[in-house]
Amino acid sequence: MRNISNVIEGYLKQVIEVSEREYIEIKRSEVAERFQCVPSQINYVINTRFTPERGYLVESKRGGGGYIRIKRIRLHQKSEVITGIIQHLENGATQSMAEDIVFRLLDEDIVTKREAKMILSAIDRSTLLLGLPLRDEVRARILIAMLFTIQFQSN
């Protein structure tokens, strides 16, 4: 059986894809009721799976008529995606941030599944046996070097 977080993520991504608008608005309680889980599970999925690194913007309005708005950020050219990611990496990259970036590259068809696995192996904390914050700085430099290679190879 699939993990409930994966199921909720898949559902929300499917709703986004079929939406005629640039965004979707959901009520946390309604989605929680649909999947028979607690609303905090919906928060977890949104906070970890719908991040800017993965290509999403999330807004929320609290209260009785509150909603969560999820918008897919689609840049027109792969080069724009890579440039934006490189700028985001200037201050270092945590393990989870780097993983989200790689998943976005995969989702945007900028890298293949094999390339994504190779990148993830190279930037994993078990490979970079350094203390923090140096490890995050080195991880960002490695990612930036790989992204430059991808960017100028694909143009």
C-alpha atoms as a PDB file:
ATOM      1  CA  MET A   1       0.000   0.000   0.000  1.00  0.00           C
ATOM      2  CA  ARG A   2       1.235   3.493  -0.833  1.00  0.00           C
ATOM      3  CA  ASN A   3       2.129   6.018   1.833  1.00  0.00           C
ATOM      4  CA  ILE A   4      -0.787   8.411   2.551  1.00  0.00           C
ATOM      5  CA  SER A   5       1.487  11.422   1.953  1.00  0.00           C
ATOM      6  CA  ASN A   6       2.325  10.103  -1.532  1.00  0.00           C
ATOM      7  CA  VAL A   7      -1.364   9.529  -2.272  1.00  0.00           C
ATOM      8  CA  ILE A   8      -2.321  13.056  -1.166  1.00  0.00           C
ATOM      9  CA  GLU A   9       0.574  14.550  -3.155  1.00  0.00           C
ATOM     10  CA  GLY A  10      -0.463  12.617  -6.253  1.00  0.00           C
ATOM     11  CA  TYR A  11      -4.075  13.721  -5.878  1.00  0.00           C
ATOM     12  CA  LEU A  12      -3.152  17.398  -5.499  1.00  0.00           C
ATOM     13  CA  LYS A  13      -0.760  17.269  -8.475  1.00  0.00           C
ATOM     14  CA  GLN A  14      -3.477  15.669 -10.588  1.00  0.00           C
ATOM     15  CA  VAL A  15      -5.971  18.378  -9.581  1.00  0.00           C
ATOM     16  CA  ILE A  16      -3.390  21.044 -10.504  1.00  0.00           C
ATOM     17  CA  GLU A  17      -2.750  19.454 -13.919  1.00  0.00           C
ATOM     18  CA  VAL A  18      -6.437  19.304 -14.892  1.00  0.00           C
ATOM     19  CA  SER A  19      -7.256  22.749 -13.510  1.00  0.00           C
ATOM     20  CA  GLU A  20      -8.087  25.400 -16.078  1.00  0.00           C
ATOM     21  CA  ARG A  21      -6.643  28.095 -13.809  1.00  0.00           C
ATOM     22  CA  GLU A  22      -3.004  28.709 -12.981  1.00  0.00           C
ATOM     23  CA  TYR A  23      -3.653  27.544  -9.419  1.00  0.00           C
ATOM     24  CA  ILE A  24      -5.954  25.458  -7.263  1.00  0.00           C
ATOM     25  CA  GLU A  25      -7.667  26.423  -4.031  1.00  0.00           C
ATOM     26  CA  ILE A  26      -8.380  23.719  -1.508  1.00  0.00           C
ATOM     27  CA  LYS A  27      -9.795  23.526   1.974  1.00  0.00           C
ATOM     28  CA  ARG A  28      -7.492  21.582   4.235  1.00  0.00           C
ATOM     29  CA  SER A  29     -10.386  20.007   6.154  1.00  0.00           C
ATOM     30  CA  GLU A  30     -12.088  18.819   2.943  1.00  0.00           C
ATOM     31  CA  VAL A  31      -8.939  17.138   1.640  1.00  0.00           C
ATOM     32  CA  ALA A  32      -8.330  15.581   5.077  1.00  0.00           C
ATOM     33  CA  GLU A  33     -11.888  14.255   5.113  1.00  0.00           C
ATOM     34  CA  ARG A  34     -11.487  12.834   1.597  1.00  0.00           C
ATOM     35  CA  PHE A  35      -8.417  10.840   2.658  1.00  0.00           C
ATOM     36  CA  GLN A  36      -9.650  10.147   6.194  1.00  0.00           C
ATOM     37  CA  CYS A  37      -6.635  11.718   7.849  1.00  0.00           C
ATOM     38  CA  VAL A  38      -5.970  14.604  10.191  1.00  0.00           C
ATOM     39  CA  PRO A  39      -5.643  18.120   8.697  1.00  0.00           C
ATOM     40  CA  SER A  40      -2.050  18.322   9.929  1.00  0.00           C
ATOM     41  CA  GLN A  41      -1.237  15.527   7.451  1.00  0.00           C
ATOM     42  CA  ILE A  42      -2.359  17.854   4.649  1.00  0.00           C
ATOM     43  CA  ASN A  43      -0.116  20.584   6.093  1.00  0.00           C
ATOM     44  CA  TYR A  44       2.816  18.167   6.123  1.00  0.00           C
ATOM     45  CA  VAL A  45       2.292  17.220   2.469  1.00  0.00           C
ATOM     46  CA  ILE A  46       1.941  20.837   1.362  1.00  0.00           C
ATOM     47  CA  ASN A  47       4.949  22.031   3.385  1.00  0.00           C
ATOM     48  CA  THR A  48       7.265  19.257   2.202  1.00  0.00           C
ATOM     49  CA  ARG A  49       6.074  18.408  -1.317  1.00  0.00           C
ATOM     50  CA  PHE A  50       4.883  21.756  -2.687  1.00  0.00           C
ATOM     51  CA  THR A  51       7.942  23.950  -2.110  1.00  0.00           C
ATOM     52  CA  PRO A  52       9.531  26.580  -4.393  1.00  0.00           C
ATOM     53  CA  GLU A  53      12.442  24.167  -4.898  1.00  0.00           C
ATOM     54  CA  ARG A  54       9.942  21.707  -6.362  1.00  0.00           C
ATOM     55  CA  GLY A  55       8.299  24.376  -8.503  1.00  0.00           C
ATOM     56  CA  TYR A  56       5.290  25.474  -6.413  1.00  0.00           C
ATOM     57  CA  LEU A  57       4.072  28.579  -4.608  1.00  0.00           C
ATOM     58  CA  VAL A  58       1.675  28.142  -1.708  1.00  0.00           C
ATOM     59  CA  GLU A  59      -0.526  30.818  -0.143  1.00  0.00           C
ATOM     60  CA  SER A  60      -2.980  30.317   2.661  1.00  0.00           C
ATOM     61  CA  LYS A  61      -5.825  32.263   4.183  1.00  0.00           C
ATOM     62  CA  ARG A  62      -6.920  31.242   7.647  1.00  0.00           C
ATOM     63  CA  GLY A  63     -10.392  31.391   9.102  1.00  0.00           C
ATOM     64  CA  GLY A  64     -13.826  29.992   8.299  1.00  0.00           C
ATOM     65  CA  GLY A  65     -13.643  30.825   4.602  1.00  0.00           C
ATOM     66  CA  GLY A  66      -9.947  30.051   4.505  1.00  0.00           C
ATOM     67  CA  TYR A  67      -8.211  28.197   1.735  1.00  0.00           C
ATOM     68  CA  ILE A  68      -4.837  26.971   0.603  1.00  0.00           C
ATOM     69  CA  ARG A  69      -3.829  28.094  -2.885  1.00  0.00           C
ATOM     70  CA  ILE A  70      -1.212  26.036  -4.708  1.00  0.00           C
ATOM     71  CA  LYS A  71       0.300  27.411  -7.881  1.00  0.00           C
ATOM     72  CA  ARG A  72       2.648  25.526 -10.203  1.00  0.00           C
ATOM     73  CA  ILE A  73       5.609  27.632 -11.299  1.00  0.00           C
ATOM     74  CA  ARG A  74       6.394  26.721 -14.877  1.00  0.00           C
ATOM     75  CA  LEU A  75       9.229  28.584 -16.486  1.00  0.00           C
ATOM     76  CA  HIS A  76       9.328  28.682 -20.243  1.00  0.00           C
ATOM     77  CA  GLN A  77      12.833  27.448 -20.830  1.00  0.00           C
ATOM     78  CA  LYS A  78      14.973  24.920 -19.038  1.00  0.00           C
ATOM     79  CA  SER A  79      17.718  27.525 -18.912  1.00  0.00           C
ATOM     80  CA  GLU A  80      15.445  29.828 -16.864  1.00  0.00           C
ATOM     81  CA  VAL A  81      14.729  27.033 -14.375  1.00  0.00           C
ATOM     82  CA  ILE A  82      18.425  26.288 -13.957  1.00  0.00           C
ATOM     83  CA  THR A  83      19.354  29.984 -13.599  1.00  0.00           C
ATOM     84  CA  GLY A  84      16.708  30.436 -10.900  1.00  0.00           C
ATOM     85  CA  ILE A  85      17.928  27.374  -9.017  1.00  0.00           C
ATOM     86  CA  ILE A  86      21.564  28.499  -9.203  1.00  0.00           C
ATOM     87  CA  GLN A  87      20.641  31.879  -7.712  1.00  0.00           C
ATOM     88  CA  HIS A  88      18.771  30.064  -4.928  1.00  0.00           C
ATOM     89  CA  LEU A  89      21.886  28.009  -4.113  1.00  0.00           C
ATOM     90  CA  GLU A  90      24.220  30.932  -3.459  1.00  0.00           C
ATOM     91  CA  ASN A  91      23.869  30.589   0.331  1.00  0.00           C
ATOM     92  CA  GLY A  92      24.327  26.817   0.483  1.00  0.00           C
ATOM     93  CA  ALA A  93      21.963  23.864   0.263  1.00  0.00           C
ATOM     94  CA  THR A  94      20.642  21.580   2.959  1.00  0.00           C
ATOM     95  CA  GLN A  95      20.130  17.906   2.140  1.00  0.00           C
ATOM     96  CA  SER A  96      16.349  18.266   1.830  1.00  0.00           C
ATOM     97  CA  MET A  97      16.599  21.485  -0.201  1.00  0.00           C
ATOM     98  CA  ALA A  98      19.026  19.817  -2.632  1.00  0.00           C
ATOM     99  CA  GLU A  99      16.786  16.754  -2.937  1.00  0.00           C
ATOM    100  CA  ASP A 100      13.788  18.981  -3.710  1.00  0.00           C
ATOM    101  CA  ILE A 101      15.801  20.725  -6.425  1.00  0.00           C
ATOM    102  CA  VAL A 102      16.772  17.408  -8.017  1.00  0.00           C
ATOM    103  CA  PHE A 103      13.147  16.216  -7.901  1.00  0.00           C
ATOM    104  CA  ARG A 104      12.112  19.430  -9.652  1.00  0.00           C
ATOM    105  CA  LEU A 105      14.768  18.939 -12.335  1.00  0.00           C
ATOM    106  CA  LEU A 106      13.396  15.443 -12.862  1.00  0.00           C
ATOM    107  CA  ASP A 107       9.793  16.677 -12.896  1.00  0.00           C
ATOM    108  CA  GLU A 108      10.638  19.378 -15.454  1.00  0.00           C
ATOM    109  CA  ASP A 109      12.417  16.773 -17.645  1.00  0.00           C
ATOM    110  CA  ILE A 110      15.716  18.613 -17.299  1.00  0.00           C
ATOM    111  CA  VAL A 111      17.502  15.487 -16.042  1.00  0.00           C
ATOM    112  CA  THR A 112      16.828  11.797 -16.527  1.00  0.00           C
ATOM    113  CA  LYS A 113      16.086   9.430 -13.665  1.00  0.00           C
ATOM    114  CA  ARG A 114      19.628   8.055 -13.930  1.00  0.00           C
ATOM    115  CA  GLU A 115      21.165  11.542 -13.839  1.00  0.00           C
ATOM    116  CA  ALA A 116      19.020  12.435 -10.821  1.00  0.00           C
ATOM    117  CA  LYS A 117      20.260   9.345  -8.962  1.00  0.00           C
ATOM    118  CA  MET A 118      23.864  10.249  -9.769  1.00  0.00           C
ATOM    119  CA  ILE A 119      23.382  13.832  -8.563  1.00  0.00           C
ATOM    120  CA  LEU A 120      21.685  12.653  -5.366  1.00  0.00           C
ATOM    121  CA  SER A 121      24.564  10.257  -4.677  1.00  0.00           C
ATOM    122  CA  ALA A 122      27.159  12.986  -5.175  1.00  0.00           C
ATOM    123  CA  ILE A 123      25.460  15.471  -2.839  1.00  0.00           C
ATOM    124  CA  ASP A 124      24.307  13.061  -0.120  1.00  0.00           C
ATOM    125  CA  ARG A 125      25.492  13.715   3.442  1.00  0.00           C
ATOM    126  CA  SER A 126      27.009  10.219   3.545  1.00  0.00           C
ATOM    127  CA  THR A 127      29.226  11.201   0.588  1.00  0.00           C
ATOM    128  CA  LEU A 128      30.085  14.670   1.884  1.00  0.00           C
ATOM    129  CA  LEU A 129      31.641  13.709   5.193  1.00  0.00           C
ATOM    130  CA  LEU A 130      32.071  17.289   6.377  1.00  0.00           C
ATOM    131  CA  GLY A 131      30.711  19.273   9.275  1.00  0.00           C
ATOM    132  CA  LEU A 132      28.047  21.933   8.937  1.00  0.00           C
ATOM    133  CA  PRO A 133      27.935  24.608   7.499  1.00  0.00           C
ATOM    134  CA  LEU A 134      30.806  23.558   5.209  1.00  0.00           C
ATOM    135  CA  ARG A 135      28.880  20.497   4.001  1.00  0.00           C
ATOM    136  CA  ASP A 136      25.950  22.645   2.814  1.00  0.00           C
ATOM    137  CA  GLU A 137      28.335  25.027   1.031  1.00  0.00           C
ATOM    138  CA  VAL A 138      30.153  22.173  -0.740  1.00  0.00           C
ATOM    139  CA  ARG A 139      26.824  20.541  -1.659  1.00  0.00           C
ATOM    140  CA  ALA A 140      25.661  23.816  -3.238  1.00  0.00           C
ATOM    141  CA  ARG A 141      28.934  24.213  -5.177  1.00  0.00           C
ATOM    142  CA  ILE A 142      28.674  20.669  -6.533  1.00  0.00           C
ATOM    143  CA  LEU A 143      25.050  21.245  -7.554  1.00  0.00           C
ATOM    144  CA  ILE A 144      25.914  24.564  -9.195  1.00  0.00           C
ATOM    145  CA  ALA A 145      28.755  22.950 -11.173  1.00  0.00           C
ATOM    146  CA  MET A 146      26.431  20.173 -12.355  1.00  0.00           C
ATOM    147  CA  LEU A 147      23.706  22.668 -13.241  1.00  0.00           C
ATOM    148  CA  PHE A 148      26.103  24.796 -15.310  1.00  0.00           C
ATOM    149  CA  THR A 149      27.082  21.673 -17.240  1.00  0.00           C
ATOM    150  CA  ILE A 150      23.425  20.757 -17.832  1.00  0.00           C
ATOM    151  CA  GLN A 151      22.482  24.321 -18.732  1.00  0.00           C
ATOM    152  CA  PHE A 152      25.095  24.795 -21.394  1.00  0.00           C
ATOM    153  CA  GLN A 153      24.773  21.275 -22.742  1.00  0.00           C
ATOM    154  CA  SER A 154      21.010  21.620 -23.322  1.00  0.00           C
ATOM    155  CA  ASN A 155      21.076  24.971 -25.142  1.00  0.00           C
END
